[in-house]
N, C-alpha and C. Protein backbone atom coordinates (compact mmCIF):
# COMPACT_ATOMS: atom_id res chain seq x y z
N UNK A 1 26.76 108.67 120.37
CA UNK A 1 27.37 109.53 121.38
C UNK A 1 28.79 109.94 120.96
N UNK A 2 29.54 108.97 120.42
CA UNK A 2 30.91 109.28 119.99
C UNK A 2 30.92 110.34 118.91
N UNK A 3 29.98 110.27 117.97
CA UNK A 3 29.93 111.27 116.91
C UNK A 3 29.69 112.65 117.48
N UNK A 4 28.82 112.74 118.49
CA UNK A 4 28.54 114.03 119.10
C UNK A 4 29.76 114.61 119.78
N UNK A 5 30.51 113.76 120.49
CA UNK A 5 31.72 114.21 121.16
C UNK A 5 32.74 114.70 120.15
N UNK A 6 32.94 113.92 119.10
CA UNK A 6 33.90 114.32 118.07
C UNK A 6 33.52 115.63 117.42
N UNK A 7 32.21 115.85 117.23
CA UNK A 7 31.73 117.07 116.61
C UNK A 7 32.04 118.28 117.48
N UNK A 8 31.93 118.10 118.79
CA UNK A 8 32.14 119.21 119.71
C UNK A 8 33.60 119.64 119.76
N UNK A 9 34.53 118.66 119.77
CA UNK A 9 35.92 119.00 120.02
C UNK A 9 36.70 119.42 118.78
N UNK A 10 36.13 119.29 117.59
CA UNK A 10 36.85 119.70 116.39
C UNK A 10 37.03 121.22 116.37
N UNK A 11 38.22 121.66 116.02
CA UNK A 11 38.52 123.09 115.99
C UNK A 11 38.96 123.48 114.58
N UNK A 12 38.42 124.56 114.07
CA UNK A 12 38.80 125.02 112.75
C UNK A 12 40.02 125.92 112.80
N UNK A 13 40.67 126.06 111.66
CA UNK A 13 41.84 126.92 111.60
C UNK A 13 42.32 127.02 110.16
N UNK A 14 43.24 127.95 109.91
CA UNK A 14 43.98 127.98 108.66
C UNK A 14 45.43 128.30 108.97
N UNK A 15 46.32 127.42 108.56
CA UNK A 15 47.74 127.64 108.76
C UNK A 15 48.47 127.56 107.43
N UNK A 16 49.56 128.30 107.32
CA UNK A 16 50.31 128.40 106.06
C UNK A 16 51.81 128.37 106.35
N UNK A 17 52.55 127.67 105.49
CA UNK A 17 54.00 127.71 105.51
C UNK A 17 54.53 128.02 104.12
N UNK A 18 55.50 128.91 104.01
CA UNK A 18 56.03 129.32 102.72
C UNK A 18 57.56 129.26 102.74
N UNK A 19 58.13 128.67 101.70
CA UNK A 19 59.58 128.61 101.55
C UNK A 19 60.05 129.84 100.78
N UNK A 20 60.98 130.57 101.35
CA UNK A 20 61.56 131.74 100.70
C UNK A 20 63.06 131.52 100.50
N UNK A 21 63.66 132.35 99.68
CA UNK A 21 65.08 132.16 99.40
C UNK A 21 65.96 132.46 100.61
N UNK A 22 65.43 133.25 101.56
CA UNK A 22 66.21 133.61 102.74
C UNK A 22 65.55 133.17 104.04
N UNK A 23 64.60 132.23 103.96
CA UNK A 23 63.98 131.76 105.19
C UNK A 23 62.65 131.07 104.95
N UNK A 24 61.94 130.86 106.05
CA UNK A 24 60.62 130.22 106.05
C UNK A 24 59.61 131.16 106.70
N UNK A 25 58.40 131.20 106.15
CA UNK A 25 57.31 131.97 106.74
C UNK A 25 56.26 130.99 107.27
N UNK A 26 55.79 131.21 108.49
CA UNK A 26 54.67 130.47 109.06
C UNK A 26 53.58 131.47 109.46
N UNK A 27 52.33 131.17 109.14
CA UNK A 27 51.24 132.07 109.47
C UNK A 27 50.01 131.27 109.87
N UNK A 28 49.17 131.87 110.71
CA UNK A 28 47.95 131.21 111.16
C UNK A 28 46.96 132.24 111.68
N UNK A 29 45.68 131.87 111.68
CA UNK A 29 44.66 132.72 112.30
C UNK A 29 44.63 132.43 113.80
N UNK A 30 43.68 133.05 114.52
CA UNK A 30 43.66 132.92 115.98
C UNK A 30 42.28 132.55 116.52
N UNK A 31 41.42 131.95 115.70
CA UNK A 31 40.07 131.58 116.16
C UNK A 31 39.99 130.09 116.46
N UNK A 32 39.33 129.76 117.57
CA UNK A 32 38.99 128.38 117.90
C UNK A 32 37.47 128.28 117.98
N UNK A 33 36.92 127.19 117.44
CA UNK A 33 35.47 127.05 117.40
C UNK A 33 35.03 125.68 117.91
N UNK A 34 33.74 125.60 118.27
CA UNK A 34 33.08 124.34 118.53
C UNK A 34 32.39 123.92 117.24
N UNK A 35 32.95 122.90 116.58
CA UNK A 35 32.38 122.34 115.35
C UNK A 35 32.21 123.38 114.25
N UNK A 36 33.01 124.43 114.28
CA UNK A 36 32.95 125.45 113.24
C UNK A 36 31.75 126.36 113.31
N UNK A 37 30.95 126.25 114.38
CA UNK A 37 29.71 127.03 114.46
C UNK A 37 29.74 128.09 115.56
N UNK A 38 30.37 127.77 116.68
CA UNK A 38 30.42 128.69 117.82
C UNK A 38 31.87 129.06 118.08
N UNK A 39 32.15 130.35 118.19
CA UNK A 39 33.51 130.80 118.47
C UNK A 39 33.81 130.57 119.94
N UNK A 40 34.78 129.68 120.21
CA UNK A 40 35.12 129.34 121.59
C UNK A 40 36.20 130.25 122.16
N UNK A 41 37.09 130.73 121.31
CA UNK A 41 38.19 131.58 121.77
C UNK A 41 38.66 132.44 120.60
N UNK A 42 38.92 133.71 120.87
CA UNK A 42 39.30 134.64 119.81
C UNK A 42 40.79 135.00 119.85
N UNK A 43 41.54 134.37 120.73
CA UNK A 43 42.95 134.74 120.87
C UNK A 43 43.81 133.50 121.11
N UNK A 44 43.72 132.54 120.18
CA UNK A 44 44.45 131.28 120.32
C UNK A 44 45.77 131.35 119.55
N UNK A 45 46.86 131.02 120.22
CA UNK A 45 48.15 130.92 119.54
C UNK A 45 48.21 129.57 118.83
N UNK A 46 48.51 129.58 117.53
CA UNK A 46 48.58 128.35 116.75
C UNK A 46 49.95 128.12 116.14
N UNK A 47 50.90 129.00 116.47
CA UNK A 47 52.28 128.84 116.03
C UNK A 47 53.17 128.80 117.27
N UNK A 48 54.04 127.77 117.35
CA UNK A 48 54.87 127.60 118.54
C UNK A 48 56.32 127.37 118.16
N UNK A 49 57.19 128.08 118.84
CA UNK A 49 58.63 127.89 118.70
C UNK A 49 59.02 126.64 119.47
N UNK A 50 59.63 125.67 118.81
CA UNK A 50 60.02 124.43 119.49
C UNK A 50 61.53 124.33 119.69
N UNK A 51 62.28 125.19 119.03
CA UNK A 51 63.72 125.32 119.27
C UNK A 51 64.13 126.69 118.77
N UNK A 52 65.40 127.01 118.87
CA UNK A 52 65.85 128.33 118.44
C UNK A 52 65.68 128.53 116.94
N UNK A 53 65.66 127.43 116.17
CA UNK A 53 65.61 127.54 114.72
C UNK A 53 64.44 126.77 114.08
N UNK A 54 63.48 126.34 114.90
CA UNK A 54 62.34 125.60 114.36
C UNK A 54 61.04 126.02 115.05
N UNK A 55 59.96 126.02 114.27
CA UNK A 55 58.63 126.34 114.82
C UNK A 55 57.59 125.51 114.08
N UNK A 56 56.42 125.35 114.70
CA UNK A 56 55.35 124.58 114.09
C UNK A 56 54.05 125.38 114.10
N UNK A 57 53.21 125.16 113.10
CA UNK A 57 51.83 125.61 113.15
C UNK A 57 50.98 124.41 113.56
N UNK A 58 49.84 124.68 114.19
CA UNK A 58 49.02 123.60 114.72
C UNK A 58 47.58 123.74 114.27
N UNK A 59 46.94 122.57 114.07
CA UNK A 59 45.52 122.53 113.72
C UNK A 59 44.95 121.22 114.25
N UNK A 60 43.66 121.22 114.58
CA UNK A 60 43.02 119.99 115.01
C UNK A 60 42.47 120.06 116.41
N UNK A 61 42.32 118.89 117.03
CA UNK A 61 41.78 118.79 118.38
C UNK A 61 42.75 119.43 119.36
N UNK A 62 42.29 120.43 120.08
CA UNK A 62 43.19 121.28 120.85
C UNK A 62 43.99 120.51 121.89
N UNK A 63 43.36 119.61 122.64
CA UNK A 63 44.08 118.89 123.69
C UNK A 63 45.21 118.06 123.12
N UNK A 64 44.97 117.40 121.98
CA UNK A 64 46.01 116.59 121.35
C UNK A 64 47.13 117.46 120.81
N UNK A 65 46.77 118.58 120.21
CA UNK A 65 47.77 119.52 119.69
C UNK A 65 48.67 120.01 120.83
N UNK A 66 48.06 120.38 121.96
CA UNK A 66 48.85 120.87 123.09
C UNK A 66 49.78 119.80 123.63
N UNK A 67 49.28 118.57 123.76
CA UNK A 67 50.10 117.49 124.28
C UNK A 67 51.27 117.18 123.34
N UNK A 68 51.00 117.08 122.04
CA UNK A 68 52.05 116.73 121.09
C UNK A 68 53.11 117.83 121.02
N UNK A 69 52.68 119.08 121.12
CA UNK A 69 53.64 120.19 121.14
C UNK A 69 54.57 120.09 122.34
N UNK A 70 54.02 119.77 123.50
CA UNK A 70 54.85 119.58 124.70
C UNK A 70 55.80 118.41 124.52
N UNK A 71 55.31 117.32 123.93
CA UNK A 71 56.14 116.13 123.75
C UNK A 71 57.32 116.39 122.81
N UNK A 72 57.08 117.07 121.68
CA UNK A 72 58.16 117.30 120.73
C UNK A 72 59.20 118.25 121.31
N UNK A 73 58.76 119.24 122.07
CA UNK A 73 59.71 120.16 122.71
C UNK A 73 60.57 119.42 123.74
N UNK A 74 59.94 118.51 124.48
CA UNK A 74 60.69 117.72 125.47
C UNK A 74 61.68 116.79 124.79
N UNK A 75 61.27 116.15 123.70
CA UNK A 75 62.15 115.24 122.97
C UNK A 75 63.36 115.98 122.41
N UNK A 76 63.14 117.18 121.89
CA UNK A 76 64.25 117.96 121.34
C UNK A 76 65.23 118.36 122.44
N UNK A 77 64.70 118.69 123.61
CA UNK A 77 65.56 119.02 124.75
C UNK A 77 66.41 117.82 125.15
N UNK A 78 65.81 116.64 125.19
CA UNK A 78 66.55 115.43 125.53
C UNK A 78 67.66 115.14 124.52
N UNK A 79 67.36 115.34 123.23
CA UNK A 79 68.37 115.12 122.19
C UNK A 79 69.55 116.07 122.37
N UNK A 80 69.25 117.32 122.68
CA UNK A 80 70.33 118.30 122.90
C UNK A 80 71.18 117.92 124.11
N UNK A 81 70.53 117.43 125.17
CA UNK A 81 71.27 117.03 126.37
C UNK A 81 72.16 115.81 126.08
N UNK A 82 71.63 114.86 125.33
CA UNK A 82 72.36 113.61 125.07
C UNK A 82 73.48 113.78 124.05
N UNK A 83 73.24 114.61 123.04
CA UNK A 83 74.20 114.71 121.94
C UNK A 83 75.02 116.00 121.96
N UNK A 84 74.53 117.00 122.65
CA UNK A 84 75.23 118.28 122.69
C UNK A 84 74.98 119.15 121.47
N UNK A 85 74.04 118.74 120.61
CA UNK A 85 73.72 119.53 119.42
C UNK A 85 72.24 119.41 119.09
N UNK A 86 71.77 120.32 118.26
CA UNK A 86 70.37 120.29 117.85
C UNK A 86 70.16 119.28 116.73
N UNK A 87 69.03 118.57 116.72
CA UNK A 87 68.73 117.66 115.62
C UNK A 87 68.43 118.44 114.35
N UNK A 88 68.56 117.81 113.20
CA UNK A 88 68.23 118.45 111.93
C UNK A 88 66.72 118.62 111.83
N UNK A 89 66.30 119.45 110.88
CA UNK A 89 64.87 119.64 110.65
C UNK A 89 64.23 118.33 110.20
N UNK A 90 64.92 117.58 109.35
CA UNK A 90 64.38 116.30 108.87
C UNK A 90 64.20 115.32 110.02
N UNK A 91 65.18 115.25 110.91
CA UNK A 91 65.06 114.36 112.07
C UNK A 91 63.89 114.77 112.94
N UNK A 92 63.73 116.05 113.15
CA UNK A 92 62.62 116.56 113.95
C UNK A 92 61.28 116.23 113.30
N UNK A 93 61.20 116.40 111.99
CA UNK A 93 59.96 116.10 111.27
C UNK A 93 59.59 114.62 111.42
N UNK A 94 60.57 113.74 111.28
CA UNK A 94 60.30 112.31 111.42
C UNK A 94 59.90 111.94 112.84
N UNK A 95 60.52 112.58 113.82
CA UNK A 95 60.16 112.34 115.21
C UNK A 95 58.74 112.81 115.49
N UNK A 96 58.42 113.99 115.00
CA UNK A 96 57.06 114.52 115.18
C UNK A 96 56.03 113.64 114.48
N UNK A 97 56.38 113.16 113.29
CA UNK A 97 55.48 112.26 112.57
C UNK A 97 55.21 110.99 113.34
N UNK A 98 56.22 110.46 114.01
CA UNK A 98 56.05 109.25 114.81
C UNK A 98 55.10 109.49 115.98
N UNK A 99 55.25 110.65 116.63
CA UNK A 99 54.37 110.98 117.75
C UNK A 99 52.93 111.12 117.28
N UNK A 100 52.73 111.79 116.14
CA UNK A 100 51.39 111.96 115.59
C UNK A 100 50.79 110.61 115.20
N UNK A 101 51.59 109.74 114.60
CA UNK A 101 51.14 108.39 114.21
C UNK A 101 50.64 107.62 115.42
N UNK A 102 51.41 107.65 116.50
CA UNK A 102 51.02 106.94 117.71
C UNK A 102 49.77 107.54 118.34
N UNK A 103 49.64 108.86 118.25
CA UNK A 103 48.50 109.54 118.86
C UNK A 103 47.19 109.20 118.16
N UNK A 104 47.17 109.20 116.84
CA UNK A 104 45.92 108.97 116.10
C UNK A 104 45.47 107.52 116.22
N UNK A 105 46.42 106.60 116.52
CA UNK A 105 46.07 105.19 116.57
C UNK A 105 45.81 104.66 117.99
N UNK A 106 45.87 105.52 118.98
CA UNK A 106 45.53 105.07 120.33
C UNK A 106 44.01 104.99 120.49
N UNK A 107 43.56 104.09 121.36
CA UNK A 107 42.12 103.95 121.60
C UNK A 107 41.64 105.13 122.45
N UNK A 108 40.59 105.80 121.98
CA UNK A 108 40.05 106.93 122.72
C UNK A 108 38.64 107.24 122.22
N UNK A 109 37.74 107.64 123.11
CA UNK A 109 36.39 108.04 122.67
C UNK A 109 36.40 109.35 121.89
N UNK A 110 37.50 110.11 121.99
CA UNK A 110 37.66 111.36 121.24
C UNK A 110 38.79 111.17 120.24
N UNK A 111 38.49 111.33 118.96
CA UNK A 111 39.49 111.11 117.92
C UNK A 111 40.51 112.25 117.91
N UNK A 112 41.78 111.90 118.06
CA UNK A 112 42.83 112.92 118.16
C UNK A 112 43.35 113.36 116.81
N UNK A 113 42.55 114.12 116.09
CA UNK A 113 42.96 114.61 114.77
C UNK A 113 43.85 115.84 114.94
N UNK A 114 45.06 115.77 114.39
CA UNK A 114 45.98 116.90 114.47
C UNK A 114 46.66 117.11 113.12
N UNK A 115 47.10 118.33 112.89
CA UNK A 115 47.86 118.65 111.69
C UNK A 115 48.92 119.68 112.03
N UNK A 116 50.12 119.46 111.55
CA UNK A 116 51.23 120.37 111.85
C UNK A 116 51.97 120.75 110.57
N UNK A 117 52.45 121.98 110.53
CA UNK A 117 53.43 122.40 109.52
C UNK A 117 54.68 122.79 110.28
N UNK A 118 55.80 122.17 109.93
CA UNK A 118 57.08 122.42 110.59
C UNK A 118 58.00 123.18 109.67
N UNK A 119 58.50 124.29 110.15
CA UNK A 119 59.50 125.05 109.42
C UNK A 119 60.76 125.17 110.25
N UNK A 120 61.90 125.12 109.59
CA UNK A 120 63.13 125.21 110.36
C UNK A 120 64.37 125.41 109.53
N UNK A 121 65.45 125.68 110.24
CA UNK A 121 66.77 125.89 109.63
C UNK A 121 67.77 125.00 110.36
N UNK A 122 68.65 124.37 109.58
CA UNK A 122 69.78 123.66 110.17
C UNK A 122 71.03 123.94 109.33
N UNK A 123 72.07 123.19 109.54
CA UNK A 123 73.34 123.47 108.86
C UNK A 123 73.26 123.32 107.35
N UNK A 124 72.25 122.59 106.86
CA UNK A 124 72.16 122.36 105.41
C UNK A 124 71.14 123.25 104.71
N UNK A 125 70.41 124.08 105.46
CA UNK A 125 69.49 125.00 104.81
C UNK A 125 68.16 125.15 105.52
N UNK A 126 67.18 125.70 104.77
CA UNK A 126 65.83 125.91 105.28
C UNK A 126 64.90 124.82 104.75
N UNK A 127 63.97 124.38 105.63
CA UNK A 127 63.10 123.27 105.24
C UNK A 127 61.67 123.49 105.74
N UNK A 128 60.72 122.93 104.99
CA UNK A 128 59.31 123.01 105.35
C UNK A 128 58.70 121.62 105.21
N UNK A 129 58.05 121.15 106.28
CA UNK A 129 57.43 119.83 106.29
C UNK A 129 55.97 119.93 106.72
N UNK A 130 55.15 119.08 106.11
CA UNK A 130 53.75 118.94 106.52
C UNK A 130 53.58 117.60 107.22
N UNK A 131 52.99 117.62 108.42
CA UNK A 131 52.72 116.40 109.18
C UNK A 131 51.22 116.15 109.14
N UNK A 132 50.80 115.11 108.43
CA UNK A 132 49.38 114.81 108.29
C UNK A 132 48.79 114.21 109.54
N UNK A 133 47.46 114.18 109.65
CA UNK A 133 46.79 113.59 110.82
C UNK A 133 47.12 112.12 111.02
N UNK A 134 47.54 111.43 109.95
CA UNK A 134 47.87 110.02 110.03
C UNK A 134 49.33 109.76 110.37
N UNK A 135 50.10 110.84 110.60
CA UNK A 135 51.52 110.70 110.90
C UNK A 135 52.42 110.77 109.68
N UNK A 136 51.85 111.03 108.52
CA UNK A 136 52.67 111.14 107.30
C UNK A 136 53.56 112.37 107.38
N UNK A 137 54.73 112.28 106.74
CA UNK A 137 55.71 113.37 106.73
C UNK A 137 56.02 113.72 105.28
N UNK A 138 55.68 114.94 104.88
CA UNK A 138 55.91 115.36 103.50
C UNK A 138 56.72 116.66 103.49
N UNK A 139 57.81 116.65 102.73
CA UNK A 139 58.58 117.88 102.58
C UNK A 139 58.00 118.69 101.43
N UNK A 140 57.92 120.01 101.62
CA UNK A 140 57.43 120.92 100.59
C UNK A 140 58.53 121.89 100.20
N UNK A 141 58.74 122.04 98.90
CA UNK A 141 59.77 122.94 98.39
C UNK A 141 59.26 124.36 98.17
N UNK A 142 57.93 124.54 98.23
CA UNK A 142 57.38 125.87 97.97
C UNK A 142 56.45 126.36 99.08
N UNK A 143 55.35 125.66 99.32
CA UNK A 143 54.41 126.09 100.36
C UNK A 143 53.55 124.93 100.80
N UNK A 144 52.91 125.11 101.96
CA UNK A 144 51.97 124.13 102.50
C UNK A 144 50.90 124.88 103.26
N UNK A 145 49.71 124.28 103.36
CA UNK A 145 48.63 124.86 104.14
C UNK A 145 47.80 123.75 104.76
N UNK A 146 47.16 124.05 105.89
CA UNK A 146 46.41 123.03 106.61
C UNK A 146 45.23 123.70 107.32
N UNK A 147 44.27 122.87 107.71
CA UNK A 147 43.12 123.36 108.46
C UNK A 147 41.87 123.49 107.62
N UNK A 148 40.80 123.92 108.25
CA UNK A 148 39.50 123.98 107.59
C UNK A 148 39.44 124.99 106.45
N UNK A 149 40.30 125.99 106.49
CA UNK A 149 40.30 127.01 105.44
C UNK A 149 41.38 126.82 104.39
N UNK A 150 41.99 125.62 104.34
CA UNK A 150 43.14 125.43 103.45
C UNK A 150 42.79 125.55 101.98
N UNK A 151 41.55 125.23 101.60
CA UNK A 151 41.19 125.32 100.19
C UNK A 151 41.29 126.75 99.68
N UNK A 152 40.81 127.70 100.49
CA UNK A 152 40.91 129.10 100.11
C UNK A 152 42.37 129.57 100.08
N UNK A 153 43.13 129.14 101.08
CA UNK A 153 44.55 129.52 101.13
C UNK A 153 45.31 128.93 99.95
N UNK A 154 45.01 127.69 99.59
CA UNK A 154 45.66 127.06 98.43
C UNK A 154 45.44 127.87 97.16
N UNK A 155 44.22 128.36 96.98
CA UNK A 155 43.94 129.14 95.78
C UNK A 155 44.84 130.35 95.64
N UNK A 156 45.06 131.03 96.76
CA UNK A 156 45.94 132.21 96.75
C UNK A 156 47.39 131.79 96.49
N UNK A 157 47.84 130.76 97.19
CA UNK A 157 49.23 130.32 97.05
C UNK A 157 49.52 129.80 95.65
N UNK A 158 48.59 129.00 95.10
CA UNK A 158 48.77 128.48 93.75
C UNK A 158 48.86 129.59 92.72
N UNK A 159 48.12 130.67 92.96
CA UNK A 159 48.06 131.77 92.00
C UNK A 159 49.24 132.73 92.12
N UNK A 160 49.67 133.02 93.35
CA UNK A 160 50.59 134.13 93.56
C UNK A 160 52.02 133.73 93.94
N UNK A 161 52.23 132.49 94.35
CA UNK A 161 53.58 132.10 94.77
C UNK A 161 54.53 132.06 93.56
N UNK A 162 55.75 132.55 93.77
CA UNK A 162 56.79 132.50 92.76
C UNK A 162 58.08 131.99 93.40
N UNK A 163 58.81 131.17 92.67
CA UNK A 163 60.11 130.70 93.16
C UNK A 163 61.03 131.89 93.41
N UNK A 164 61.80 131.80 94.48
CA UNK A 164 62.78 132.84 94.76
C UNK A 164 62.24 134.04 95.51
N UNK A 165 61.02 133.95 96.07
CA UNK A 165 60.49 135.08 96.84
C UNK A 165 61.34 135.28 98.09
N UNK A 166 61.46 136.53 98.52
CA UNK A 166 62.16 136.79 99.78
C UNK A 166 61.15 136.81 100.93
N UNK A 167 61.64 136.92 102.15
CA UNK A 167 60.75 136.81 103.30
C UNK A 167 59.77 137.98 103.40
N UNK A 168 60.16 139.15 102.96
CA UNK A 168 59.23 140.28 102.98
C UNK A 168 58.05 140.02 102.04
N UNK A 169 58.34 139.48 100.87
CA UNK A 169 57.27 139.11 99.94
C UNK A 169 56.46 137.93 100.49
N UNK A 170 57.15 137.01 101.15
CA UNK A 170 56.48 135.84 101.71
C UNK A 170 55.51 136.21 102.81
N UNK A 171 55.86 137.20 103.63
CA UNK A 171 54.95 137.66 104.69
C UNK A 171 53.65 138.18 104.09
N UNK A 172 53.76 139.00 103.06
CA UNK A 172 52.57 139.55 102.42
C UNK A 172 51.71 138.46 101.80
N UNK A 173 52.36 137.47 101.18
CA UNK A 173 51.63 136.36 100.56
C UNK A 173 50.92 135.52 101.62
N UNK A 174 51.60 135.26 102.73
CA UNK A 174 51.00 134.48 103.81
C UNK A 174 49.76 135.18 104.38
N UNK A 175 49.85 136.49 104.54
CA UNK A 175 48.70 137.25 105.04
C UNK A 175 47.53 137.17 104.06
N UNK A 176 47.83 137.28 102.77
CA UNK A 176 46.77 137.17 101.76
C UNK A 176 46.11 135.80 101.79
N UNK A 177 46.91 134.75 101.98
CA UNK A 177 46.38 133.40 101.98
C UNK A 177 45.47 133.16 103.18
N UNK A 178 45.91 133.55 104.36
CA UNK A 178 45.09 133.36 105.56
C UNK A 178 43.86 134.27 105.51
N UNK A 179 44.04 135.49 104.99
CA UNK A 179 42.90 136.41 104.88
C UNK A 179 41.82 135.87 103.95
N UNK A 180 42.22 135.19 102.89
CA UNK A 180 41.24 134.59 101.98
C UNK A 180 40.38 133.57 102.72
N UNK A 181 41.01 132.79 103.62
CA UNK A 181 40.26 131.83 104.42
C UNK A 181 39.36 132.52 105.43
N UNK A 182 39.83 133.62 106.01
CA UNK A 182 39.02 134.36 106.96
C UNK A 182 37.73 134.87 106.31
N UNK A 183 37.82 135.24 105.03
CA UNK A 183 36.66 135.79 104.34
C UNK A 183 35.58 134.74 104.07
N UNK A 184 35.96 133.46 103.94
CA UNK A 184 35.00 132.44 103.50
C UNK A 184 34.87 131.24 104.43
N UNK A 185 35.82 131.01 105.32
CA UNK A 185 35.74 129.85 106.22
C UNK A 185 35.28 130.31 107.59
N UNK A 186 34.14 129.79 108.05
CA UNK A 186 33.56 130.24 109.32
C UNK A 186 34.43 129.90 110.52
N UNK A 187 35.28 128.89 110.39
CA UNK A 187 36.11 128.46 111.51
C UNK A 187 37.46 129.16 111.56
N UNK A 188 37.71 130.09 110.65
CA UNK A 188 38.95 130.85 110.61
C UNK A 188 38.65 132.32 110.85
N UNK A 189 39.42 132.97 111.71
CA UNK A 189 39.12 134.39 111.92
C UNK A 189 39.90 135.05 113.04
N UNK A 190 39.44 136.24 113.39
CA UNK A 190 39.90 137.09 114.50
C UNK A 190 41.19 137.85 114.22
N UNK A 191 42.25 137.12 113.81
CA UNK A 191 43.55 137.78 113.65
C UNK A 191 44.50 136.86 112.90
N UNK A 192 45.64 137.41 112.53
CA UNK A 192 46.68 136.66 111.84
C UNK A 192 48.00 136.84 112.58
N UNK A 193 48.68 135.73 112.87
CA UNK A 193 50.04 135.75 113.39
C UNK A 193 50.99 135.31 112.28
N UNK A 194 52.14 135.96 112.19
CA UNK A 194 53.15 135.57 111.20
C UNK A 194 54.51 135.47 111.88
N UNK A 195 55.21 134.37 111.62
CA UNK A 195 56.56 134.15 112.13
C UNK A 195 57.52 133.97 110.96
N UNK A 196 58.76 134.38 111.16
CA UNK A 196 59.82 134.10 110.20
C UNK A 196 60.86 133.19 110.84
N UNK A 197 61.47 132.34 110.03
CA UNK A 197 62.61 131.54 110.46
C UNK A 197 63.75 131.86 109.50
N UNK A 198 64.74 132.59 110.00
CA UNK A 198 65.85 133.04 109.17
C UNK A 198 67.17 132.65 109.84
N UNK A 199 68.26 133.17 109.35
CA UNK A 199 69.56 132.80 109.90
C UNK A 199 69.70 133.20 111.37
N UNK A 200 68.92 134.19 111.81
CA UNK A 200 68.97 134.62 113.20
C UNK A 200 67.91 133.95 114.07
N UNK A 201 67.25 132.92 113.54
CA UNK A 201 66.32 132.14 114.34
C UNK A 201 64.85 132.46 114.09
N UNK A 202 64.02 132.00 115.03
CA UNK A 202 62.56 132.15 114.93
C UNK A 202 62.14 133.47 115.54
N UNK A 203 61.34 134.24 114.78
CA UNK A 203 60.84 135.51 115.29
C UNK A 203 59.40 135.74 114.88
N UNK A 204 58.62 136.26 115.81
CA UNK A 204 57.27 136.70 115.49
C UNK A 204 57.36 138.10 114.91
N UNK A 205 56.84 138.28 113.69
CA UNK A 205 57.02 139.54 113.00
C UNK A 205 55.72 140.32 112.81
N UNK A 206 54.58 139.67 113.01
CA UNK A 206 53.32 140.36 112.76
C UNK A 206 52.18 139.71 113.52
N UNK A 207 51.34 140.54 114.15
CA UNK A 207 50.03 140.15 114.63
C UNK A 207 49.05 141.22 114.19
N UNK A 208 48.09 140.84 113.40
CA UNK A 208 47.11 141.79 112.88
C UNK A 208 45.72 141.32 113.26
N UNK A 209 45.02 142.11 114.09
CA UNK A 209 43.69 141.76 114.55
C UNK A 209 42.62 142.43 113.69
N UNK A 210 41.48 141.74 113.56
CA UNK A 210 40.34 142.29 112.83
C UNK A 210 39.42 143.03 113.78
N UNK A 211 38.86 144.11 113.33
CA UNK A 211 37.88 144.85 114.12
C UNK A 211 36.49 144.38 113.70
N UNK A 212 35.81 143.69 114.61
CA UNK A 212 34.51 143.11 114.28
C UNK A 212 33.36 143.73 115.06
N UNK A 213 33.66 144.64 115.97
CA UNK A 213 32.60 145.28 116.74
C UNK A 213 31.94 146.40 115.94
N UNK A 214 30.64 146.48 116.03
CA UNK A 214 29.90 147.56 115.38
C UNK A 214 29.44 148.53 116.46
N UNK A 215 29.87 149.76 116.35
CA UNK A 215 29.52 150.79 117.35
C UNK A 215 28.82 151.94 116.65
N UNK A 216 27.68 152.35 117.16
CA UNK A 216 26.97 153.49 116.58
C UNK A 216 26.73 154.56 117.65
């Protein structure tokens, strides 16, 4: 019975983070599925602004992803109230990793598998972190990808990424990476969202939807 429940609640996705010389790019598709076979929702937001200068991409069991996103936003608010300043990206990544670690190890009939990519800016620069389902925290100097379509996205990023890319080039690369997953991963699809994190903060810069209806 547990296997059946876990099979139902798994959600596919493809998320990408790219380090550029003038900022960070985050991108994701917008499809949610039941076990990668049935499309449950065609307009899911998978990138969330958690502060003025930080955002996360999300993948995994939707209820756990939603809860953890609320928790990290609340924790950051408390830190700002207590200290009068925003925490660094590294501090935020470690805090998020702790929450994910605690979540995956709690007893539950539904396994809370989650994956996050955190991008942000603080006084010392731009940073990109990958938060694994086990609570691991890994900093990436170039790019990261997560979700069911990450193998296809990795192929594009490994082939086309170059050190020193600017955010305009990074946006195009992110779209190519997510699009590669859309073409071959059944759990990735519908549309692409792209966010930038630059000196002026987090901004949504692109939403591109696919036309899948056939009309004659």
